[in-house]
């Protein structure tokens, strides 16, 4: 599932990042925050009107704000999905 679809407060792991959807500078910024395949993530809050704005995420031990378009490039898996596979 996409990071944008992850329920709030549900721990997950980054499965895949579509770096082609991001500009080089955006990709570099996310890498500097520790967002890479295998990193632990958790959606904490959806901002904006009706929750369609930026997403506050916990990446490892750090909390970051991420644009929704950037979060859509991140595919995550939960422990439940990993157990079912």
C-alpha atoms as a PDB file:
ATOM      1  CA  UNK A   1       0.000   0.000   0.000  1.00  0.00           C
ATOM      2  CA  UNK A   2       1.078   3.606  -0.449  1.00  0.00           C
ATOM      3  CA  UNK A   3       2.180   5.681   2.518  1.00  0.00           C
ATOM      4  CA  UNK A   4      -0.762   7.982   1.774  1.00  0.00           C
ATOM      5  CA  UNK A   5      -3.129   5.031   2.439  1.00  0.00           C
ATOM      6  CA  UNK A   6      -1.477   3.826   5.648  1.00  0.00           C
ATOM      7  CA  UNK A   7      -3.837   4.188   8.614  1.00  0.00           C
ATOM      8  CA  UNK A   8      -2.668   6.627  11.284  1.00  0.00           C
ATOM      9  CA  UNK A   9      -0.502   5.205  14.065  1.00  0.00           C
ATOM     10  CA  UNK A  10       0.040   1.876  12.280  1.00  0.00           C
ATOM     11  CA  UNK A  11       3.725   0.948  12.143  1.00  0.00           C
ATOM     12  CA  UNK A  12       5.032  -0.141   8.751  1.00  0.00           C
ATOM     13  CA  UNK A  13       8.244  -0.566   6.788  1.00  0.00           C
ATOM     14  CA  UNK A  14       9.230   1.057   3.513  1.00  0.00           C
ATOM     15  CA  UNK A  15       9.037  -1.617   0.839  1.00  0.00           C
ATOM     16  CA  UNK A  16       9.802   0.439  -2.271  1.00  0.00           C
ATOM     17  CA  UNK A  17      10.353   4.067  -3.231  1.00  0.00           C
ATOM     18  CA  UNK A  18       9.647   5.217  -6.796  1.00  0.00           C
ATOM     19  CA  UNK A  19      12.550   7.650  -7.071  1.00  0.00           C
ATOM     20  CA  UNK A  20      11.485   8.545 -10.646  1.00  0.00           C
ATOM     21  CA  UNK A  21       8.409  10.350  -9.247  1.00  0.00           C
ATOM     22  CA  UNK A  22      10.682  12.675  -7.260  1.00  0.00           C
ATOM     23  CA  UNK A  23      13.101  15.320  -8.443  1.00  0.00           C
ATOM     24  CA  UNK A  24      16.756  14.692  -7.545  1.00  0.00           C
ATOM     25  CA  UNK A  25      16.656  17.357  -4.822  1.00  0.00           C
ATOM     26  CA  UNK A  26      13.433  15.953  -3.326  1.00  0.00           C
ATOM     27  CA  UNK A  27      14.890  12.443  -3.332  1.00  0.00           C
ATOM     28  CA  UNK A  28      18.085  13.679  -1.702  1.00  0.00           C
ATOM     29  CA  UNK A  29      16.071  15.452   1.020  1.00  0.00           C
ATOM     30  CA  UNK A  30      14.103  12.302   1.831  1.00  0.00           C
ATOM     31  CA  UNK A  31      17.291  10.219   1.918  1.00  0.00           C
ATOM     32  CA  UNK A  32      18.834  12.714   4.345  1.00  0.00           C
ATOM     33  CA  UNK A  33      15.823  12.206   6.625  1.00  0.00           C
ATOM     34  CA  UNK A  34      16.483   8.460   6.580  1.00  0.00           C
ATOM     35  CA  UNK A  35      13.704   7.435   4.203  1.00  0.00           C
ATOM     36  CA  UNK A  36      14.985   4.357   2.378  1.00  0.00           C
ATOM     37  CA  UNK A  37      13.874   0.791   1.693  1.00  0.00           C
ATOM     38  CA  UNK A  38      13.527  -1.078   4.978  1.00  0.00           C
ATOM     39  CA  UNK A  39      13.099   2.034   7.160  1.00  0.00           C
ATOM     40  CA  UNK A  40      10.347   1.984   9.773  1.00  0.00           C
ATOM     41  CA  UNK A  41       7.569   4.529   9.178  1.00  0.00           C
ATOM     42  CA  UNK A  42       4.344   5.539  10.854  1.00  0.00           C
ATOM     43  CA  UNK A  43       1.798   8.094   9.634  1.00  0.00           C
ATOM     44  CA  UNK A  44       1.011  10.413  12.554  1.00  0.00           C
ATOM     45  CA  UNK A  45      -1.220  13.145  11.124  1.00  0.00           C
ATOM     46  CA  UNK A  46      -2.812  14.223   7.841  1.00  0.00           C
ATOM     47  CA  UNK A  47      -2.837  17.997   7.515  1.00  0.00           C
ATOM     48  CA  UNK A  48      -4.911  20.355   5.429  1.00  0.00           C
ATOM     49  CA  UNK A  49      -8.605  20.511   4.683  1.00  0.00           C
ATOM     50  CA  UNK A  50     -10.176  17.025   4.864  1.00  0.00           C
ATOM     51  CA  UNK A  51      -6.734  15.513   5.492  1.00  0.00           C
ATOM     52  CA  UNK A  52      -5.528  16.138   1.936  1.00  0.00           C
ATOM     53  CA  UNK A  53      -2.476  18.166   2.895  1.00  0.00           C
ATOM     54  CA  UNK A  54       0.981  17.152   4.053  1.00  0.00           C
ATOM     55  CA  UNK A  55       1.516  14.042   6.133  1.00  0.00           C
ATOM     56  CA  UNK A  56       3.444  14.038   9.405  1.00  0.00           C
ATOM     57  CA  UNK A  57       5.406  10.791   9.541  1.00  0.00           C
ATOM     58  CA  UNK A  58       7.713   9.140  11.968  1.00  0.00           C
ATOM     59  CA  UNK A  59      10.753   7.805  10.112  1.00  0.00           C
ATOM     60  CA  UNK A  60      12.850   5.809  12.516  1.00  0.00           C
ATOM     61  CA  UNK A  61      13.005   8.067  15.578  1.00  0.00           C
ATOM     62  CA  UNK A  62      12.524  11.343  13.646  1.00  0.00           C
ATOM     63  CA  UNK A  63       9.217  13.069  12.860  1.00  0.00           C
ATOM     64  CA  UNK A  64       9.045  14.764   9.453  1.00  0.00           C
ATOM     65  CA  UNK A  65       6.399  16.482   7.335  1.00  0.00           C
ATOM     66  CA  UNK A  66       6.081  15.153   3.819  1.00  0.00           C
ATOM     67  CA  UNK A  67       4.118  16.408   0.850  1.00  0.00           C
ATOM     68  CA  UNK A  68       1.325  14.072  -0.172  1.00  0.00           C
ATOM     69  CA  UNK A  69       2.844  13.687  -3.676  1.00  0.00           C
ATOM     70  CA  UNK A  70       6.108  12.501  -2.114  1.00  0.00           C
ATOM     71  CA  UNK A  71       4.304  10.081   0.203  1.00  0.00           C
ATOM     72  CA  UNK A  72       2.482   8.632  -2.817  1.00  0.00           C
ATOM     73  CA  UNK A  73       5.875   7.537  -4.205  1.00  0.00           C
ATOM     74  CA  UNK A  74       6.508   5.396  -1.105  1.00  0.00           C
ATOM     75  CA  UNK A  75       5.146   1.838  -0.910  1.00  0.00           C
ATOM     76  CA  UNK A  76       4.969   0.390   2.599  1.00  0.00           C
ATOM     77  CA  UNK A  77       4.179  -2.976   4.173  1.00  0.00           C
ATOM     78  CA  UNK A  78       2.799  -3.682   7.601  1.00  0.00           C
ATOM     79  CA  UNK A  79       3.785  -6.626   9.790  1.00  0.00           C
ATOM     80  CA  UNK A  80       0.432  -8.232   8.993  1.00  0.00           C
ATOM     81  CA  UNK A  81       1.148  -8.051   5.257  1.00  0.00           C
ATOM     82  CA  UNK A  82       4.623  -9.507   5.773  1.00  0.00           C
ATOM     83  CA  UNK A  83       3.185 -12.416   7.790  1.00  0.00           C
ATOM     84  CA  UNK A  84       0.599 -13.199   5.110  1.00  0.00           C
ATOM     85  CA  UNK A  85       3.193 -13.354   2.323  1.00  0.00           C
END
